[in-house]
Amino acid sequence: MPTDLTKTLTYLSLHLTIGFSVAYVMTGSVALAGGIAIVEPCINAVAFFFHEKAWKRVGARRSLVAA
């Protein structure tokens, strides 16, 4: 499994746990906390994956310029 994907999945797991915990403490509702914990981190995980890809391109360009 590529490192970017592994990092994205571990980040997603961490984010789901934190998102659910915070939402549950704030709402007291398992259903509402579950909904928040699913939707918000999933969107962030996709954004994170592409963010990592963009930074790899920036790093590659910097390497080319330095060479």
C-alpha atoms as a PDB file:
ATOM      1  CA  MET A   1       0.000   0.000   0.000  1.00  0.00           C
ATOM      2  CA  PRO A   2       1.445   3.421  -0.923  1.00  0.00           C
ATOM      3  CA  THR A   3       2.607   5.574   1.979  1.00  0.00           C
ATOM      4  CA  ASP A   4       0.217   8.405   1.051  1.00  0.00           C
ATOM      5  CA  LEU A   5      -2.747   6.067   1.278  1.00  0.00           C
ATOM      6  CA  THR A   6      -1.547   4.517   4.549  1.00  0.00           C
ATOM      7  CA  LYS A   7      -1.079   7.957   6.090  1.00  0.00           C
ATOM      8  CA  THR A   8      -4.504   9.012   4.865  1.00  0.00           C
ATOM      9  CA  LEU A   9      -6.207   5.964   6.387  1.00  0.00           C
ATOM     10  CA  THR A  10      -4.452   6.298   9.757  1.00  0.00           C
ATOM     11  CA  TYR A  11      -5.292  10.012   9.795  1.00  0.00           C
ATOM     12  CA  LEU A  12      -8.914   9.145   9.015  1.00  0.00           C
ATOM     13  CA  SER A  13      -9.060   6.677  11.917  1.00  0.00           C
ATOM     14  CA  LEU A  14      -7.672   9.230  14.328  1.00  0.00           C
ATOM     15  CA  HIS A  15      -9.983  11.938  13.035  1.00  0.00           C
ATOM     16  CA  LEU A  16     -13.064   9.689  13.247  1.00  0.00           C
ATOM     17  CA  THR A  17     -12.316   8.888  16.880  1.00  0.00           C
ATOM     18  CA  ILE A  18     -11.722  12.505  17.852  1.00  0.00           C
ATOM     19  CA  GLY A  19     -14.680  13.766  15.809  1.00  0.00           C
ATOM     20  CA  PHE A  20     -17.059  11.279  17.395  1.00  0.00           C
ATOM     21  CA  SER A  21     -15.786  11.973  20.911  1.00  0.00           C
ATOM     22  CA  VAL A  22     -16.078  15.752  20.617  1.00  0.00           C
ATOM     23  CA  ALA A  23     -19.489  15.597  18.929  1.00  0.00           C
ATOM     24  CA  TYR A  24     -20.798  13.173  21.559  1.00  0.00           C
ATOM     25  CA  VAL A  25     -19.576  15.334  24.441  1.00  0.00           C
ATOM     26  CA  MET A  26     -21.184  18.393  22.849  1.00  0.00           C
ATOM     27  CA  THR A  27     -24.505  16.801  21.849  1.00  0.00           C
ATOM     28  CA  GLY A  28     -24.987  13.776  24.100  1.00  0.00           C
ATOM     29  CA  SER A  29     -26.395  11.959  21.067  1.00  0.00           C
ATOM     30  CA  VAL A  30     -24.700   8.858  19.697  1.00  0.00           C
ATOM     31  CA  ALA A  31     -26.622   9.154  16.409  1.00  0.00           C
ATOM     32  CA  LEU A  32     -25.758  12.806  15.848  1.00  0.00           C
ATOM     33  CA  ALA A  33     -22.152  12.293  16.928  1.00  0.00           C
ATOM     34  CA  GLY A  34     -21.884   9.314  14.578  1.00  0.00           C
ATOM     35  CA  GLY A  35     -23.199  11.347  11.656  1.00  0.00           C
ATOM     36  CA  ILE A  36     -20.800  14.185  12.332  1.00  0.00           C
ATOM     37  CA  ALA A  37     -17.922  11.772  12.872  1.00  0.00           C
ATOM     38  CA  ILE A  38     -18.538  10.056   9.535  1.00  0.00           C
ATOM     39  CA  VAL A  39     -19.148  13.015   7.238  1.00  0.00           C
ATOM     40  CA  GLU A  40     -16.632  15.625   8.389  1.00  0.00           C
ATOM     41  CA  PRO A  41     -13.497  13.431   8.726  1.00  0.00           C
ATOM     42  CA  CYS A  42     -14.177  11.628   5.451  1.00  0.00           C
ATOM     43  CA  ILE A  43     -14.224  14.919   3.601  1.00  0.00           C
ATOM     44  CA  ASN A  44     -11.067  16.006   5.404  1.00  0.00           C
ATOM     45  CA  ALA A  45      -9.326  12.711   4.614  1.00  0.00           C
ATOM     46  CA  VAL A  46      -9.915  13.201   0.897  1.00  0.00           C
ATOM     47  CA  ALA A  47      -8.638  16.771   1.166  1.00  0.00           C
ATOM     48  CA  PHE A  48      -5.587  15.563   3.120  1.00  0.00           C
ATOM     49  CA  PHE A  49      -4.743  12.968   0.465  1.00  0.00           C
ATOM     50  CA  PHE A  50      -4.701  15.591  -2.287  1.00  0.00           C
ATOM     51  CA  HIS A  51      -2.878  18.040  -0.008  1.00  0.00           C
ATOM     52  CA  GLU A  52      -0.080  15.469   0.417  1.00  0.00           C
ATOM     53  CA  LYS A  53       0.042  14.886  -3.349  1.00  0.00           C
ATOM     54  CA  ALA A  54       0.338  18.639  -3.976  1.00  0.00           C
ATOM     55  CA  TRP A  55       3.194  18.985  -1.490  1.00  0.00           C
ATOM     56  CA  LYS A  56       5.029  16.087  -3.135  1.00  0.00           C
ATOM     57  CA  ARG A  57       4.793  17.945  -6.463  1.00  0.00           C
ATOM     58  CA  VAL A  58       6.121  21.105  -4.798  1.00  0.00           C
ATOM     59  CA  GLY A  59       9.027  19.121  -3.366  1.00  0.00           C
ATOM     60  CA  ALA A  60       9.784  17.545  -6.741  1.00  0.00           C
ATOM     61  CA  ARG A  61       9.792  20.956  -8.429  1.00  0.00           C
ATOM     62  CA  ARG A  62      12.126  22.365  -5.793  1.00  0.00           C
ATOM     63  CA  SER A  63      14.478  19.444  -6.351  1.00  0.00           C
ATOM     64  CA  LEU A  64      14.502  20.101 -10.083  1.00  0.00           C
ATOM     65  CA  VAL A  65      15.161  23.808  -9.600  1.00  0.00           C
ATOM     66  CA  ALA A  66      17.972  23.116  -7.133  1.00  0.00           C
ATOM     67  CA  ALA A  67      19.596  20.677  -9.590  1.00  0.00           C
END
